[in-house]
Every structure is written in C-alpha cells, then in structure tokens.
Amino acid sequence: MAEITLTEIEHRLNAAEENIKELFGKFNGIDKNLVATTTTLNNLLTLVGELKAAIETLKARPSAWWDKLIFALIGAAASGIISYFVK
C-alpha cells in the first residue's frame, strides 16, 4: 500500500477547495438568474393582465357606441314625429 505524503494531501485539498469555490460560484449565478427570471415572469404576467383588461374595454366600446347611435336615432325620430303633429 502506497503512502500518501503530506504534500500530496495539501495539493489535493487545495484542488478540492478550488473546485468547491467554482461550484458555489456557479450555484450563486444560477440563483441570481432564477431571481431575474422570476421577476421578468411576474412583470410579464402583470402586463398580460393589463392587456386583457384593455382588450375587454375595447370589446365593450363598439357596443356602447352603437347603443348611443340607436338612442340618438330614436330621439331624432321621436322629435320629428312630435314636431310634425305639433305643426
């Protein structure tokens, strides 16, 4: 059985420490990317909600416009009929 010298142990320990630092750095980077991605997704969900509300408003607008037009035409017709009979 070959004996491991103290120098070899120190060398392996230094290499392991470097590997651990690199691994922690990668995990830290992944964690930061996850936070950024989550923030972006939350912003997108908020934007989609706003767009959905705007679309619903735009859908309702033509029907409200037609309602006003019909009421104006009925009012004009009623005024015309009343003025015809009053003369």
N, C-alpha and C. Protein backbone atom coordinates (compact mmCIF):
# COMPACT_ATOMS: atom_id res chain seq x y z
N MET A 1 0.84 -1.17 0.00
CA MET A 1 0.00 0.00 0.00
C MET A 1 0.89 1.24 0.00
N ALA A 2 0.64 2.11 -0.98
CA ALA A 2 1.47 3.29 -1.10
C ALA A 2 0.99 4.35 -0.13
N GLU A 3 1.94 4.98 0.49
CA GLU A 3 1.59 6.04 1.45
C GLU A 3 1.48 7.37 0.72
N ILE A 4 0.53 8.18 1.18
CA ILE A 4 0.34 9.50 0.61
C ILE A 4 1.10 10.48 1.47
N THR A 5 1.86 11.31 0.82
CA THR A 5 2.65 12.28 1.57
C THR A 5 1.80 13.48 1.93
N LEU A 6 2.30 14.23 2.87
CA LEU A 6 1.63 15.43 3.33
C LEU A 6 1.50 16.45 2.20
N THR A 7 2.47 16.52 1.34
CA THR A 7 2.43 17.46 0.21
C THR A 7 1.31 17.09 -0.76
N GLU A 8 1.14 15.80 -1.02
CA GLU A 8 0.07 15.35 -1.91
C GLU A 8 -1.30 15.66 -1.30
N ILE A 9 -1.43 15.47 0.00
CA ILE A 9 -2.70 15.76 0.68
C ILE A 9 -3.00 17.25 0.58
N GLU A 10 -2.01 18.10 0.81
CA GLU A 10 -2.21 19.55 0.70
C GLU A 10 -2.60 19.94 -0.73
N HIS A 11 -1.94 19.30 -1.70
CA HIS A 11 -2.25 19.59 -3.09
C HIS A 11 -3.70 19.20 -3.42
N ARG A 12 -4.12 18.03 -3.00
CA ARG A 12 -5.49 17.56 -3.23
C ARG A 12 -6.50 18.45 -2.51
N LEU A 13 -6.17 18.86 -1.29
CA LEU A 13 -7.05 19.74 -0.52
C LEU A 13 -7.20 21.09 -1.21
N ASN A 14 -6.12 21.64 -1.71
CA ASN A 14 -6.18 22.92 -2.44
C ASN A 14 -7.02 22.78 -3.71
N ALA A 15 -6.85 21.68 -4.42
CA ALA A 15 -7.64 21.44 -5.63
C ALA A 15 -9.12 21.30 -5.28
N ALA A 16 -9.42 20.59 -4.20
CA ALA A 16 -10.81 20.43 -3.77
C ALA A 16 -11.41 21.77 -3.37
N GLU A 17 -10.66 22.63 -2.68
CA GLU A 17 -11.15 23.95 -2.29
C GLU A 17 -11.46 24.78 -3.53
N GLU A 18 -10.61 24.73 -4.55
CA GLU A 18 -10.86 25.47 -5.79
C GLU A 18 -12.12 24.97 -6.48
N ASN A 19 -12.29 23.65 -6.50
CA ASN A 19 -13.49 23.07 -7.11
C ASN A 19 -14.75 23.49 -6.36
N ILE A 20 -14.67 23.52 -5.05
CA ILE A 20 -15.82 23.92 -4.24
C ILE A 20 -16.15 25.40 -4.47
N LYS A 21 -15.12 26.24 -4.54
CA LYS A 21 -15.36 27.67 -4.82
C LYS A 21 -16.03 27.85 -6.18
N GLU A 22 -15.54 27.12 -7.17
CA GLU A 22 -16.12 27.20 -8.51
C GLU A 22 -17.58 26.73 -8.50
N LEU A 23 -17.84 25.65 -7.78
CA LEU A 23 -19.20 25.11 -7.68
C LEU A 23 -20.13 26.09 -7.00
N PHE A 24 -19.70 26.71 -5.90
CA PHE A 24 -20.52 27.71 -5.22
C PHE A 24 -20.76 28.92 -6.12
N GLY A 25 -19.76 29.31 -6.88
CA GLY A 25 -19.92 30.42 -7.81
C GLY A 25 -20.98 30.12 -8.86
N LYS A 26 -20.98 28.89 -9.38
CA LYS A 26 -21.99 28.50 -10.36
C LYS A 26 -23.38 28.49 -9.75
N PHE A 27 -23.52 27.95 -8.54
CA PHE A 27 -24.82 27.92 -7.88
C PHE A 27 -25.30 29.34 -7.58
N ASN A 28 -24.39 30.21 -7.18
CA ASN A 28 -24.74 31.60 -6.91
C ASN A 28 -25.24 32.28 -8.19
N GLY A 29 -24.58 32.01 -9.30
CA GLY A 29 -25.01 32.56 -10.59
C GLY A 29 -26.38 32.03 -10.99
N ILE A 30 -26.61 30.75 -10.77
CA ILE A 30 -27.91 30.16 -11.08
C ILE A 30 -29.00 30.80 -10.22
N ASP A 31 -28.70 31.02 -8.96
CA ASP A 31 -29.66 31.64 -8.04
C ASP A 31 -30.02 33.05 -8.50
N LYS A 32 -29.02 33.82 -8.91
CA LYS A 32 -29.27 35.18 -9.40
C LYS A 32 -30.10 35.15 -10.68
N ASN A 33 -29.79 34.21 -11.57
CA ASN A 33 -30.55 34.09 -12.82
C ASN A 33 -31.99 33.69 -12.53
N LEU A 34 -32.20 32.84 -11.56
CA LEU A 34 -33.55 32.42 -11.19
C LEU A 34 -34.36 33.60 -10.66
N VAL A 35 -33.75 34.43 -9.85
CA VAL A 35 -34.43 35.62 -9.33
C VAL A 35 -34.78 36.56 -10.48
N ALA A 36 -33.86 36.77 -11.39
CA ALA A 36 -34.12 37.66 -12.54
C ALA A 36 -35.23 37.09 -13.42
N THR A 37 -35.22 35.79 -13.64
CA THR A 37 -36.25 35.15 -14.45
C THR A 37 -37.61 35.25 -13.79
N THR A 38 -37.65 35.02 -12.49
CA THR A 38 -38.91 35.12 -11.76
C THR A 38 -39.46 36.54 -11.82
N THR A 39 -38.61 37.52 -11.66
CA THR A 39 -39.04 38.92 -11.74
C THR A 39 -39.58 39.23 -13.13
N THR A 40 -38.90 38.77 -14.15
CA THR A 40 -39.35 39.00 -15.52
C THR A 40 -40.70 38.34 -15.77
N LEU A 41 -40.87 37.12 -15.30
CA LEU A 41 -42.15 36.43 -15.48
C LEU A 41 -43.28 37.14 -14.74
N ASN A 42 -43.01 37.63 -13.55
CA ASN A 42 -44.03 38.37 -12.80
C ASN A 42 -44.43 39.63 -13.55
N ASN A 43 -43.44 40.33 -14.12
CA ASN A 43 -43.74 41.52 -14.91
C ASN A 43 -44.57 41.18 -16.14
N LEU A 44 -44.24 40.07 -16.80
CA LEU A 44 -45.00 39.64 -17.96
C LEU A 44 -46.44 39.29 -17.60
N LEU A 45 -46.62 38.63 -16.46
CA LEU A 45 -47.98 38.29 -16.02
C LEU A 45 -48.80 39.54 -15.73
N THR A 46 -48.17 40.54 -15.14
CA THR A 46 -48.85 41.80 -14.88
C THR A 46 -49.23 42.47 -16.20
N LEU A 47 -48.31 42.47 -17.15
CA LEU A 47 -48.57 43.07 -18.45
C LEU A 47 -49.70 42.35 -19.19
N VAL A 48 -49.71 41.03 -19.11
CA VAL A 48 -50.78 40.26 -19.75
C VAL A 48 -52.12 40.60 -19.13
N GLY A 49 -52.16 40.76 -17.81
CA GLY A 49 -53.40 41.16 -17.14
C GLY A 49 -53.88 42.52 -17.61
N GLU A 50 -52.95 43.47 -17.75
CA GLU A 50 -53.31 44.80 -18.23
C GLU A 50 -53.82 44.75 -19.67
N LEU A 51 -53.16 43.95 -20.51
CA LEU A 51 -53.60 43.81 -21.90
C LEU A 51 -54.98 43.18 -21.98
N LYS A 52 -55.23 42.21 -21.13
CA LYS A 52 -56.53 41.56 -21.11
C LYS A 52 -57.62 42.56 -20.73
N ALA A 53 -57.36 43.39 -19.73
CA ALA A 53 -58.33 44.41 -19.32
C ALA A 53 -58.56 45.42 -20.45
N ALA A 54 -57.50 45.81 -21.14
CA ALA A 54 -57.63 46.76 -22.24
C ALA A 54 -58.45 46.16 -23.39
N ILE A 55 -58.24 44.90 -23.67
CA ILE A 55 -59.00 44.23 -24.73
C ILE A 55 -60.47 44.16 -24.36
N GLU A 56 -60.77 43.85 -23.12
CA GLU A 56 -62.17 43.82 -22.67
C GLU A 56 -62.81 45.20 -22.83
N THR A 57 -62.06 46.25 -22.52
CA THR A 57 -62.59 47.62 -22.69
C THR A 57 -62.85 47.91 -24.15
N LEU A 58 -61.93 47.50 -25.03
CA LEU A 58 -62.11 47.73 -26.46
C LEU A 58 -63.28 46.91 -27.02
N LYS A 59 -63.50 45.73 -26.48
CA LYS A 59 -64.64 44.92 -26.91
C LYS A 59 -65.95 45.60 -26.56
N ALA A 60 -66.01 46.21 -25.40
CA ALA A 60 -67.24 46.84 -24.94
C ALA A 60 -67.50 48.17 -25.65
N ARG A 61 -66.47 48.82 -26.13
CA ARG A 61 -66.61 50.16 -26.73
C ARG A 61 -67.53 50.17 -27.95
N PRO A 62 -67.41 49.28 -28.94
CA PRO A 62 -68.30 49.35 -30.10
C PRO A 62 -69.77 49.18 -29.72
N SER A 63 -70.07 48.29 -28.79
CA SER A 63 -71.47 48.12 -28.41
C SER A 63 -72.01 49.38 -27.72
N ALA A 64 -71.19 50.03 -26.93
CA ALA A 64 -71.62 51.27 -26.29
C ALA A 64 -71.82 52.35 -27.34
N TRP A 65 -70.99 52.40 -28.37
CA TRP A 65 -71.13 53.39 -29.44
C TRP A 65 -72.42 53.16 -30.22
N TRP A 66 -72.70 51.88 -30.53
CA TRP A 66 -73.93 51.57 -31.25
C TRP A 66 -75.16 51.90 -30.41
N ASP A 67 -75.10 51.65 -29.12
CA ASP A 67 -76.22 52.00 -28.24
C ASP A 67 -76.49 53.50 -28.28
N LYS A 68 -75.46 54.30 -28.21
CA LYS A 68 -75.63 55.76 -28.27
C LYS A 68 -76.22 56.18 -29.62
N LEU A 69 -75.75 55.57 -30.70
CA LEU A 69 -76.25 55.89 -32.02
C LEU A 69 -77.74 55.55 -32.15
N ILE A 70 -78.12 54.39 -31.67
CA ILE A 70 -79.54 53.96 -31.75
C ILE A 70 -80.41 54.91 -30.93
N PHE A 71 -79.96 55.26 -29.72
CA PHE A 71 -80.75 56.18 -28.89
C PHE A 71 -80.86 57.55 -29.55
N ALA A 72 -79.81 58.01 -30.20
CA ALA A 72 -79.85 59.30 -30.91
C ALA A 72 -80.83 59.24 -32.07
N LEU A 73 -80.82 58.14 -32.82
CA LEU A 73 -81.76 57.99 -33.94
C LEU A 73 -83.20 57.93 -33.45
N ILE A 74 -83.44 57.20 -32.39
CA ILE A 74 -84.81 57.12 -31.82
C ILE A 74 -85.25 58.50 -31.34
N GLY A 75 -84.35 59.21 -30.68
CA GLY A 75 -84.67 60.57 -30.21
C GLY A 75 -84.98 61.51 -31.36
N ALA A 76 -84.19 61.41 -32.43
CA ALA A 76 -84.42 62.27 -33.60
C ALA A 76 -85.75 61.93 -34.26
N ALA A 77 -86.04 60.63 -34.36
CA ALA A 77 -87.31 60.21 -34.96
C ALA A 77 -88.48 60.68 -34.11
N ALA A 78 -88.35 60.53 -32.79
CA ALA A 78 -89.42 60.97 -31.89
C ALA A 78 -89.61 62.49 -31.99
N SER A 79 -88.53 63.23 -32.07
CA SER A 79 -88.63 64.70 -32.21
C SER A 79 -89.30 65.06 -33.53
N GLY A 80 -88.92 64.36 -34.58
CA GLY A 80 -89.53 64.61 -35.88
C GLY A 80 -91.01 64.33 -35.89
N ILE A 81 -91.42 63.24 -35.28
CA ILE A 81 -92.84 62.87 -35.22
C ILE A 81 -93.62 63.89 -34.39
N ILE A 82 -93.07 64.27 -33.26
CA ILE A 82 -93.74 65.25 -32.39
C ILE A 82 -93.84 66.60 -33.09
N SER A 83 -92.79 67.03 -33.76
CA SER A 83 -92.85 68.33 -34.45
C SER A 83 -93.81 68.29 -35.63
N TYR A 84 -93.98 67.14 -36.28
CA TYR A 84 -94.92 67.00 -37.38
C TYR A 84 -96.36 67.18 -36.90
N PHE A 85 -96.66 66.56 -35.73
CA PHE A 85 -98.01 66.65 -35.20
C PHE A 85 -98.30 67.99 -34.54
N VAL A 86 -97.30 68.66 -34.04
CA VAL A 86 -97.50 69.95 -33.38
C VAL A 86 -97.76 71.04 -34.43
N LYS A 87 -97.20 70.96 -35.58
CA LYS A 87 -97.40 71.96 -36.64
C LYS A 87 -98.81 71.93 -36.99
